[in-house]
Amino acid sequence: MTNIVSIARREAGLSVALALLYMAGWWLSAYAVPPGLMLGDWPLWFVLSCLFNPLLFVGLCVLMVRLSFRNIMLEDDPESGQERSLGDKP
C-alpha cells in the first residue's frame, strides 16, 4: 500500500506543479507583456494568455499523463489470485 501512496503523491505533486506553472505563465503573459504590442490585430497579451498558454499546457498535460502516470493495482481479483489494474475489465 505504501507504493500506491508514493505513486499518488508523486502524480499529485506533478499535477500541482503543472497548475502553478500554468498560473505563472498566464500571469507573465497577461501582465508582463506591454499592452501596446500587437500580433495581427490582436493584443499580444491576449494571444499569449488566452490562446497560446492553454494550447501549450494541454499538450504538457498529455505528455505528463503519458510519460509519468501509471496504472496502479486497486484491488485483488479473488478468482485468479492476482491483482487487477485500473484499466482491466472485470
PDB file of N, CA and C in Angstrom:
ATOM      1  N   MET A   1       0.822  -1.197   0.000  1.00  0.00           N
ATOM      2  CA  MET A   1       0.000   0.000   0.000  1.00  0.00           C
ATOM      3  C   MET A   1       0.862   1.255   0.000  1.00  0.00           C
ATOM      4  N   THR A   2       2.034   1.189   0.583  1.00  0.00           N
ATOM      5  CA  THR A   2       2.907   2.353   0.623  1.00  0.00           C
ATOM      6  C   THR A   2       3.335   2.765  -0.784  1.00  0.00           C
ATOM      7  N   ASN A   3       3.524   1.788  -1.661  1.00  0.00           N
ATOM      8  CA  ASN A   3       3.906   2.088  -3.028  1.00  0.00           C
ATOM      9  C   ASN A   3       2.814   2.883  -3.739  1.00  0.00           C
ATOM     10  N   ILE A   4       1.546   2.518  -3.499  1.00  0.00           N
ATOM     11  CA  ILE A   4       0.432   3.240  -4.115  1.00  0.00           C
ATOM     12  C   ILE A   4       0.393   4.674  -3.614  1.00  0.00           C
ATOM     13  N   VAL A   5       0.637   4.863  -2.342  1.00  0.00           N
ATOM     14  CA  VAL A   5       0.620   6.203  -1.760  1.00  0.00           C
ATOM     15  C   VAL A   5       1.756   7.045  -2.341  1.00  0.00           C
ATOM     16  N   SER A   6       2.928   6.467  -2.492  1.00  0.00           N
ATOM     17  CA  SER A   6       4.048   7.233  -3.056  1.00  0.00           C
ATOM     18  C   SER A   6       3.794   7.589  -4.523  1.00  0.00           C
ATOM     19  N   ILE A   7       3.174   6.687  -5.270  1.00  0.00           N
ATOM     20  CA  ILE A   7       2.835   6.983  -6.666  1.00  0.00           C
ATOM     21  C   ILE A   7       1.800   8.095  -6.721  1.00  0.00           C
ATOM     22  N   ALA A   8       0.783   8.016  -5.874  1.00  0.00           N
ATOM     23  CA  ALA A   8      -0.261   9.040  -5.857  1.00  0.00           C
ATOM     24  C   ALA A   8       0.299  10.398  -5.446  1.00  0.00           C
ATOM     25  N   ARG A   9       1.202  10.416  -4.482  1.00  0.00           N
ATOM     26  CA  ARG A   9       1.819  11.684  -4.075  1.00  0.00           C
ATOM     27  C   ARG A   9       2.660  12.291  -5.188  1.00  0.00           C
ATOM     28  N   ARG A  10       3.405  11.468  -5.886  1.00  0.00           N
ATOM     29  CA  ARG A  10       4.231  11.949  -6.992  1.00  0.00           C
ATOM     30  C   ARG A  10       3.357  12.514  -8.103  1.00  0.00           C
ATOM     31  N   GLU A  11       2.287  11.804  -8.459  1.00  0.00           N
ATOM     32  CA  GLU A  11       1.403  12.270  -9.515  1.00  0.00           C
ATOM     33  C   GLU A  11       0.661  13.536  -9.103  1.00  0.00           C
ATOM     34  N   ALA A  12       0.247  13.617  -7.852  1.00  0.00           N
ATOM     35  CA  ALA A  12      -0.414  14.827  -7.361  1.00  0.00           C
ATOM     36  C   ALA A  12       0.552  16.005  -7.348  1.00  0.00           C
ATOM     37  N   GLY A  13       1.785  15.763  -6.943  1.00  0.00           N
ATOM     38  CA  GLY A  13       2.791  16.826  -6.942  1.00  0.00           C
ATOM     39  C   GLY A  13       3.070  17.338  -8.345  1.00  0.00           C
ATOM     40  N   LEU A  14       3.159  16.427  -9.315  1.00  0.00           N
ATOM     41  CA  LEU A  14       3.364  16.846 -10.709  1.00  0.00           C
ATOM     42  C   LEU A  14       2.175  17.658 -11.218  1.00  0.00           C
ATOM     43  N   SER A  15       0.969  17.254 -10.847  1.00  0.00           N
ATOM     44  CA  SER A  15      -0.227  17.977 -11.283  1.00  0.00           C
ATOM     45  C   SER A  15      -0.284  19.373 -10.679  1.00  0.00           C
ATOM     46  N   VAL A  16       0.030  19.482  -9.398  1.00  0.00           N
ATOM     47  CA  VAL A  16       0.038  20.800  -8.752  1.00  0.00           C
ATOM     48  C   VAL A  16       1.135  21.679  -9.344  1.00  0.00           C
ATOM     49  N   ALA A  17       2.303  21.109  -9.595  1.00  0.00           N
ATOM     50  CA  ALA A  17       3.396  21.878 -10.192  1.00  0.00           C
ATOM     51  C   ALA A  17       3.013  22.393 -11.579  1.00  0.00           C
ATOM     52  N   LEU A  18       2.352  21.554 -12.367  1.00  0.00           N
ATOM     53  CA  LEU A  18       1.929  21.998 -13.694  1.00  0.00           C
ATOM     54  C   LEU A  18       0.858  23.087 -13.600  1.00  0.00           C
ATOM     55  N   ALA A  19      -0.050  22.969 -12.637  1.00  0.00           N
ATOM     56  CA  ALA A  19      -1.074  24.006 -12.458  1.00  0.00           C
ATOM     57  C   ALA A  19      -0.444  25.329 -12.027  1.00  0.00           C
ATOM     58  N   LEU A  20       0.532  25.275 -11.127  1.00  0.00           N
ATOM     59  CA  LEU A  20       1.212  26.501 -10.708  1.00  0.00           C
ATOM     60  C   LEU A  20       2.017  27.112 -11.850  1.00  0.00           C
ATOM     61  N   LEU A  21       2.638  26.269 -12.646  1.00  0.00           N
ATOM     62  CA  LEU A  21       3.366  26.751 -13.809  1.00  0.00           C
ATOM     63  C   LEU A  21       2.417  27.420 -14.808  1.00  0.00           C
ATOM     64  N   TYR A  22       1.228  26.860 -14.969  1.00  0.00           N
ATOM     65  CA  TYR A  22       0.226  27.466 -15.847  1.00  0.00           C
ATOM     66  C   TYR A  22      -0.177  28.846 -15.334  1.00  0.00           C
ATOM     67  N   MET A  23      -0.418  28.954 -14.034  1.00  0.00           N
ATOM     68  CA  MET A  23      -0.804  30.249 -13.472  1.00  0.00           C
ATOM     69  C   MET A  23       0.322  31.274 -13.629  1.00  0.00           C
ATOM     70  N   ALA A  24       1.552  30.849 -13.427  1.00  0.00           N
ATOM     71  CA  ALA A  24       2.689  31.757 -13.606  1.00  0.00           C
ATOM     72  C   ALA A  24       2.820  32.184 -15.067  1.00  0.00           C
ATOM     73  N   GLY A  25       2.636  31.254 -15.987  1.00  0.00           N
ATOM     74  CA  GLY A  25       2.687  31.590 -17.409  1.00  0.00           C
ATOM     75  C   GLY A  25       1.568  32.533 -17.804  1.00  0.00           C
ATOM     76  N   TRP A  26       0.371  32.315 -17.256  1.00  0.00           N
ATOM     77  CA  TRP A  26      -0.733  33.206 -17.566  1.00  0.00           C
ATOM     78  C   TRP A  26      -0.463  34.603 -17.013  1.00  0.00           C
ATOM     79  N   TRP A  27       0.027  34.662 -15.783  1.00  0.00           N
ATOM     80  CA  TRP A  27       0.299  35.963 -15.169  1.00  0.00           C
ATOM     81  C   TRP A  27       1.370  36.714 -15.959  1.00  0.00           C
ATOM     82  N   LEU A  28       2.439  36.025 -16.323  1.00  0.00           N
ATOM     83  CA  LEU A  28       3.509  36.674 -17.085  1.00  0.00           C
ATOM     84  C   LEU A  28       3.022  37.156 -18.446  1.00  0.00           C
ATOM     85  N   SER A  29       2.242  36.327 -19.128  1.00  0.00           N
ATOM     86  CA  SER A  29       1.795  36.744 -20.455  1.00  0.00           C
ATOM     87  C   SER A  29       0.716  37.819 -20.382  1.00  0.00           C
ATOM     88  N   ALA A  30      -0.040  37.865 -19.309  1.00  0.00           N
ATOM     89  CA  ALA A  30      -1.097  38.873 -19.200  1.00  0.00           C
ATOM     90  C   ALA A  30      -0.582  40.196 -18.650  1.00  0.00           C
ATOM     91  N   TYR A  31       0.375  40.158 -17.731  1.00  0.00           N
ATOM     92  CA  TYR A  31       0.797  41.380 -17.061  1.00  0.00           C
ATOM     93  C   TYR A  31       2.221  41.839 -17.388  1.00  0.00           C
ATOM     94  N   ALA A  32       3.070  40.966 -17.877  1.00  0.00           N
ATOM     95  CA  ALA A  32       4.452  41.363 -18.153  1.00  0.00           C
ATOM     96  C   ALA A  32       4.650  41.843 -19.588  1.00  0.00           C
ATOM     97  N   VAL A  33       3.701  41.544 -20.464  1.00  0.00           N
ATOM     98  CA  VAL A  33       3.803  41.975 -21.857  1.00  0.00           C
ATOM     99  C   VAL A  33       3.259  43.402 -21.956  1.00  0.00           C
ATOM    100  N   PRO A  34       3.993  44.301 -22.594  1.00  0.00           N
ATOM    101  CA  PRO A  34       3.489  45.675 -22.751  1.00  0.00           C
ATOM    102  C   PRO A  34       2.161  45.695 -23.529  1.00  0.00           C
ATOM    103  N   PRO A  35       1.219  46.511 -23.092  1.00  0.00           N
ATOM    104  CA  PRO A  35      -0.115  46.481 -23.714  1.00  0.00           C
ATOM    105  C   PRO A  35      -0.156  46.977 -25.152  1.00  0.00           C
ATOM    106  N   GLY A  36       0.836  47.673 -25.617  1.00  0.00           N
ATOM    107  CA  GLY A  36       0.816  48.215 -26.970  1.00  0.00           C
ATOM    108  C   GLY A  36       1.230  47.232 -28.050  1.00  0.00           C
ATOM    109  N   LEU A  37       1.827  46.096 -27.667  1.00  0.00           N
ATOM    110  CA  LEU A  37       2.290  45.128 -28.675  1.00  0.00           C
ATOM    111  C   LEU A  37       1.104  44.393 -29.276  1.00  0.00           C
ATOM    112  N   MET A  38       1.131  44.227 -30.586  1.00  0.00           N
ATOM    113  CA  MET A  38       0.030  43.581 -31.299  1.00  0.00           C
ATOM    114  C   MET A  38       0.571  42.420 -32.134  1.00  0.00           C
ATOM    115  N   LEU A  39      -0.242  41.414 -32.324  1.00  0.00           N
ATOM    116  CA  LEU A  39       0.039  40.303 -33.233  1.00  0.00           C
ATOM    117  C   LEU A  39      -1.145  40.231 -34.183  1.00  0.00           C
ATOM    118  N   GLY A  40      -0.942  40.682 -35.384  1.00  0.00           N
ATOM    119  CA  GLY A  40      -2.074  40.855 -36.283  1.00  0.00           C
ATOM    120  C   GLY A  40      -2.886  42.044 -35.789  1.00  0.00           C
ATOM    121  N   ASP A  41      -4.149  41.829 -35.533  1.00  0.00           N
ATOM    122  CA  ASP A  41      -4.993  42.871 -34.958  1.00  0.00           C
ATOM    123  C   ASP A  41      -5.301  42.613 -33.492  1.00  0.00           C
ATOM    124  N   TRP A  42      -4.690  41.611 -32.919  1.00  0.00           N
ATOM    125  CA  TRP A  42      -4.971  41.235 -31.532  1.00  0.00           C
ATOM    126  C   TRP A  42      -3.826  41.677 -30.637  1.00  0.00           C
ATOM    127  N   PRO A  43      -4.153  42.085 -29.403  1.00  0.00           N
ATOM    128  CA  PRO A  43      -3.079  42.402 -28.454  1.00  0.00           C
ATOM    129  C   PRO A  43      -2.264  41.146 -28.137  1.00  0.00           C
ATOM    130  N   LEU A  44      -0.963  41.315 -28.024  1.00  0.00           N
ATOM    131  CA  LEU A  44      -0.087  40.165 -27.782  1.00  0.00           C
ATOM    132  C   LEU A  44      -0.388  39.488 -26.457  1.00  0.00           C
ATOM    133  N   TRP A  45      -0.748  40.260 -25.412  1.00  0.00           N
ATOM    134  CA  TRP A  45      -1.063  39.654 -24.117  1.00  0.00           C
ATOM    135  C   TRP A  45      -2.253  38.713 -24.238  1.00  0.00           C
ATOM    136  N   PHE A  46      -3.228  39.050 -25.080  1.00  0.00           N
ATOM    137  CA  PHE A  46      -4.395  38.187 -25.273  1.00  0.00           C
ATOM    138  C   PHE A  46      -4.013  36.909 -26.001  1.00  0.00           C
ATOM    139  N   VAL A  47      -3.231  37.047 -27.047  1.00  0.00           N
ATOM    140  CA  VAL A  47      -2.811  35.873 -27.816  1.00  0.00           C
ATOM    141  C   VAL A  47      -2.027  34.911 -26.939  1.00  0.00           C
ATOM    142  N   LEU A  48      -1.113  35.455 -26.132  1.00  0.00           N
ATOM    143  CA  LEU A  48      -0.301  34.583 -25.275  1.00  0.00           C
ATOM    144  C   LEU A  48      -1.111  33.956 -24.152  1.00  0.00           C
ATOM    145  N   SER A  49      -1.895  34.771 -23.432  1.00  0.00           N
ATOM    146  CA  SER A  49      -2.562  34.255 -22.239  1.00  0.00           C
ATOM    147  C   SER A  49      -3.820  33.461 -22.537  1.00  0.00           C
ATOM    148  N   CYS A  50      -4.503  33.761 -23.631  1.00  0.00           N
ATOM    149  CA  CYS A  50      -5.777  33.085 -23.900  1.00  0.00           C
ATOM    150  C   CYS A  50      -5.729  32.071 -25.039  1.00  0.00           C
ATOM    151  N   LEU A  51      -4.727  32.132 -25.873  1.00  0.00           N
ATOM    152  CA  LEU A  51      -4.632  31.189 -26.986  1.00  0.00           C
ATOM    153  C   LEU A  51      -3.421  30.271 -26.871  1.00  0.00           C
ATOM    154  N   PHE A  52      -2.243  30.862 -26.712  1.00  0.00           N
ATOM    155  CA  PHE A  52      -1.015  30.058 -26.700  1.00  0.00           C
ATOM    156  C   PHE A  52      -0.866  29.231 -25.416  1.00  0.00           C
ATOM    157  N   ASN A  53      -1.029  29.858 -24.245  1.00  0.00           N
ATOM    158  CA  ASN A  53      -0.847  29.146 -22.983  1.00  0.00           C
ATOM    159  C   ASN A  53      -1.773  27.947 -22.821  1.00  0.00           C
ATOM    160  N   PRO A  54      -3.088  28.077 -23.068  1.00  0.00           N
ATOM    161  CA  PRO A  54      -3.929  26.880 -22.927  1.00  0.00           C
ATOM    162  C   PRO A  54      -3.523  25.750 -23.861  1.00  0.00           C
ATOM    163  N   LEU A  55      -3.202  26.057 -25.101  1.00  0.00           N
ATOM    164  CA  LEU A  55      -2.787  25.002 -26.023  1.00  0.00           C
ATOM    165  C   LEU A  55      -1.480  24.355 -25.586  1.00  0.00           C
ATOM    166  N   LEU A  56      -0.546  25.175 -25.130  1.00  0.00           N
ATOM    167  CA  LEU A  56       0.728  24.641 -24.640  1.00  0.00           C
ATOM    168  C   LEU A  56       0.518  23.718 -23.444  1.00  0.00           C
ATOM    169  N   PHE A  57      -0.311  24.133 -22.504  1.00  0.00           N
ATOM    170  CA  PHE A  57      -0.462  23.336 -21.290  1.00  0.00           C
ATOM    171  C   PHE A  57      -1.369  22.133 -21.477  1.00  0.00           C
ATOM    172  N   VAL A  58      -2.267  22.148 -22.442  1.00  0.00           N
ATOM    173  CA  VAL A  58      -2.992  20.919 -22.776  1.00  0.00           C
ATOM    174  C   VAL A  58      -1.993  19.893 -23.305  1.00  0.00           C
ATOM    175  N   GLY A  59      -1.092  20.328 -24.158  1.00  0.00           N
ATOM    176  CA  GLY A  59      -0.046  19.429 -24.650  1.00  0.00           C
ATOM    177  C   GLY A  59       0.859  18.928 -23.534  1.00  0.00           C
ATOM    178  N   LEU A  60       1.216  19.811 -22.598  1.00  0.00           N
ATOM    179  CA  LEU A  60       2.044  19.382 -21.470  1.00  0.00           C
ATOM    180  C   LEU A  60       1.306  18.402 -20.567  1.00  0.00           C
ATOM    181  N   CYS A  61       0.005  18.592 -20.390  1.00  0.00           N
ATOM    182  CA  CYS A  61      -0.788  17.647 -19.595  1.00  0.00           C
ATOM    183  C   CYS A  61      -0.821  16.278 -20.255  1.00  0.00           C
ATOM    184  N   VAL A  62      -0.993  16.248 -21.568  1.00  0.00           N
ATOM    185  CA  VAL A  62      -1.000  14.977 -22.283  1.00  0.00           C
ATOM    186  C   VAL A  62       0.348  14.282 -22.131  1.00  0.00           C
ATOM    187  N   LEU A  63       1.432  15.026 -22.288  1.00  0.00           N
ATOM    188  CA  LEU A  63       2.762  14.432 -22.113  1.00  0.00           C
ATOM    189  C   LEU A  63       2.978  13.929 -20.690  1.00  0.00           C
ATOM    190  N   MET A  64       2.529  14.700 -19.712  1.00  0.00           N
ATOM    191  CA  MET A  64       2.705  14.292 -18.322  1.00  0.00           C
ATOM    192  C   MET A  64       1.946  13.000 -18.032  1.00  0.00           C
ATOM    193  N   VAL A  65       0.724  12.899 -18.512  1.00  0.00           N
ATOM    194  CA  VAL A  65      -0.067  11.690 -18.261  1.00  0.00           C
ATOM    195  C   VAL A  65       0.548  10.493 -18.972  1.00  0.00           C
ATOM    196  N   ARG A  66       0.987  10.682 -20.199  1.00  0.00           N
ATOM    197  CA  ARG A  66       1.553   9.550 -20.945  1.00  0.00           C
ATOM    198  C   ARG A  66       2.907   9.105 -20.411  1.00  0.00           C
ATOM    199  N   LEU A  67       3.727  10.051 -19.971  1.00  0.00           N
ATOM    200  CA  LEU A  67       5.091   9.693 -19.592  1.00  0.00           C
ATOM    201  C   LEU A  67       5.267   9.376 -18.108  1.00  0.00           C
ATOM    202  N   SER A  68       4.490  10.004 -17.237  1.00  0.00           N
ATOM    203  CA  SER A  68       4.792   9.815 -15.817  1.00  0.00           C
ATOM    204  C   SER A  68       3.674   9.178 -15.007  1.00  0.00           C
ATOM    205  N   PHE A  69       2.453   9.106 -15.528  1.00  0.00           N
ATOM    206  CA  PHE A  69       1.375   8.454 -14.783  1.00  0.00           C
ATOM    207  C   PHE A  69       1.354   6.971 -15.142  1.00  0.00           C
ATOM    208  N   ARG A  70       0.978   6.153 -14.161  1.00  0.00           N
ATOM    209  CA  ARG A  70       0.941   4.705 -14.375  1.00  0.00           C
ATOM    210  C   ARG A  70      -0.373   4.140 -13.863  1.00  0.00           C
ATOM    211  N   ASN A  71      -0.790   3.011 -14.439  1.00  0.00           N
ATOM    212  CA  ASN A  71      -1.907   2.273 -13.876  1.00  0.00           C
ATOM    213  C   ASN A  71      -1.445   1.629 -12.583  1.00  0.00           C
ATOM    214  N   ILE A  72      -2.312   1.640 -11.587  1.00  0.00           N
ATOM    215  CA  ILE A  72      -1.959   1.014 -10.314  1.00  0.00           C
ATOM    216  C   ILE A  72      -2.988  -0.046  -9.970  1.00  0.00           C
ATOM    217  N   MET A  73      -2.575  -0.996  -9.191  1.00  0.00           N
ATOM    218  CA  MET A  73      -3.466  -2.059  -8.745  1.00  0.00           C
ATOM    219  C   MET A  73      -4.331  -1.523  -7.603  1.00  0.00           C
ATOM    220  N   LEU A  74      -5.648  -1.592  -7.781  1.00  0.00           N
ATOM    221  CA  LEU A  74      -6.538  -1.061  -6.762  1.00  0.00           C
ATOM    222  C   LEU A  74      -7.131  -2.137  -5.871  1.00  0.00           C
ATOM    223  N   GLU A  75      -7.347  -3.321  -6.410  1.00  0.00           N
ATOM    224  CA  GLU A  75      -7.953  -4.372  -5.605  1.00  0.00           C
ATOM    225  C   GLU A  75      -7.452  -5.726  -6.068  1.00  0.00           C
ATOM    226  N   ASP A  76      -7.623  -6.710  -5.229  1.00  0.00           N
ATOM    227  CA  ASP A  76      -7.248  -8.076  -5.573  1.00  0.00           C
ATOM    228  C   ASP A  76      -8.383  -8.732  -6.340  1.00  0.00           C
ATOM    229  N   ASP A  77      -8.041  -9.572  -7.305  1.00  0.00           N
ATOM    230  CA  ASP A  77      -9.026 -10.359  -8.026  1.00  0.00           C
ATOM    231  C   ASP A  77      -9.075 -11.730  -7.368  1.00  0.00           C
ATOM    232  N   PRO A  78     -10.130 -12.028  -6.588  1.00  0.00           N
ATOM    233  CA  PRO A  78     -10.138 -13.282  -5.826  1.00  0.00           C
ATOM    234  C   PRO A  78     -10.204 -14.527  -6.701  1.00  0.00           C
ATOM    235  N   GLU A  79     -10.740 -14.444  -7.930  1.00  0.00           N
ATOM    236  CA  GLU A  79     -10.862 -15.626  -8.782  1.00  0.00           C
ATOM    237  C   GLU A  79      -9.519 -16.099  -9.319  1.00  0.00           C
ATOM    238  N   SER A  80      -8.677 -15.165  -9.738  1.00  0.00           N
ATOM    239  CA  SER A  80      -7.409 -15.571 -10.345  1.00  0.00           C
ATOM    240  C   SER A  80      -6.249 -15.508  -9.366  1.00  0.00           C
ATOM    241  N   GLY A  81      -6.462 -14.871  -8.238  1.00  0.00           N
ATOM    242  CA  GLY A  81      -5.393 -14.753  -7.264  1.00  0.00           C
ATOM    243  C   GLY A  81      -4.422 -13.638  -7.581  1.00  0.00           C
ATOM    244  N   GLN A  82      -4.728 -12.851  -8.610  1.00  0.00           N
ATOM    245  CA  GLN A  82      -3.859 -11.745  -8.993  1.00  0.00           C
ATOM    246  C   GLN A  82      -4.603 -10.430  -8.826  1.00  0.00           C
ATOM    247  N   GLU A  83      -3.830  -9.374  -8.717  1.00  0.00           N
ATOM    248  CA  GLU A  83      -4.425  -8.050  -8.611  1.00  0.00           C
ATOM    249  C   GLU A  83      -4.814  -7.556  -9.988  1.00  0.00           C
ATOM    250  N   ARG A  84      -5.890  -6.766 -10.033  1.00  0.00           N
ATOM    251  CA  ARG A  84      -6.316  -6.181 -11.288  1.00  0.00           C
ATOM    252  C   ARG A  84      -5.799  -4.769 -11.412  1.00  0.00           C
ATOM    253  N   SER A  85      -5.543  -4.356 -12.625  1.00  0.00           N
ATOM    254  CA  SER A  85      -5.139  -2.980 -12.891  1.00  0.00           C
ATOM    255  C   SER A  85      -6.388  -2.138 -13.115  1.00  0.00           C
ATOM    256  N   LEU A  86      -6.237  -0.850 -12.987  1.00  0.00           N
ATOM    257  CA  LEU A  86      -7.357   0.071 -13.149  1.00  0.00           C
ATOM    258  C   LEU A  86      -7.984  -0.050 -14.535  1.00  0.00           C
ATOM    259  N   GLY A  87      -7.193  -0.283 -15.559  1.00  0.00           N
ATOM    260  CA  GLY A  87      -7.711  -0.352 -16.918  1.00  0.00           C
ATOM    261  C   GLY A  87      -8.283  -1.709 -17.308  1.00  0.00           C
ATOM    262  N   ASP A  88      -8.096  -2.748 -16.493  1.00  0.00           N
ATOM    263  CA  ASP A  88      -8.582  -4.077 -16.824  1.00  0.00           C
ATOM    264  C   ASP A  88     -10.075  -4.173 -16.599  1.00  0.00           C
ATOM    265  N   LYS A  89     -10.742  -4.939 -17.471  1.00  0.00           N
ATOM    266  CA  LYS A  89     -12.177  -5.174 -17.310  1.00  0.00           C
ATOM    267  C   LYS A  89     -12.386  -6.322 -16.322  1.00  0.00           C
ATOM    268  N   PRO A  90     -13.454  -6.262 -15.542  1.00  0.00           N
ATOM    269  CA  PRO A  90     -13.700  -7.333 -14.567  1.00  0.00           C
ATOM    270  C   PRO A  90     -14.045  -8.651 -15.214  1.00  0.00           C
TER     271      PRO A  90
END
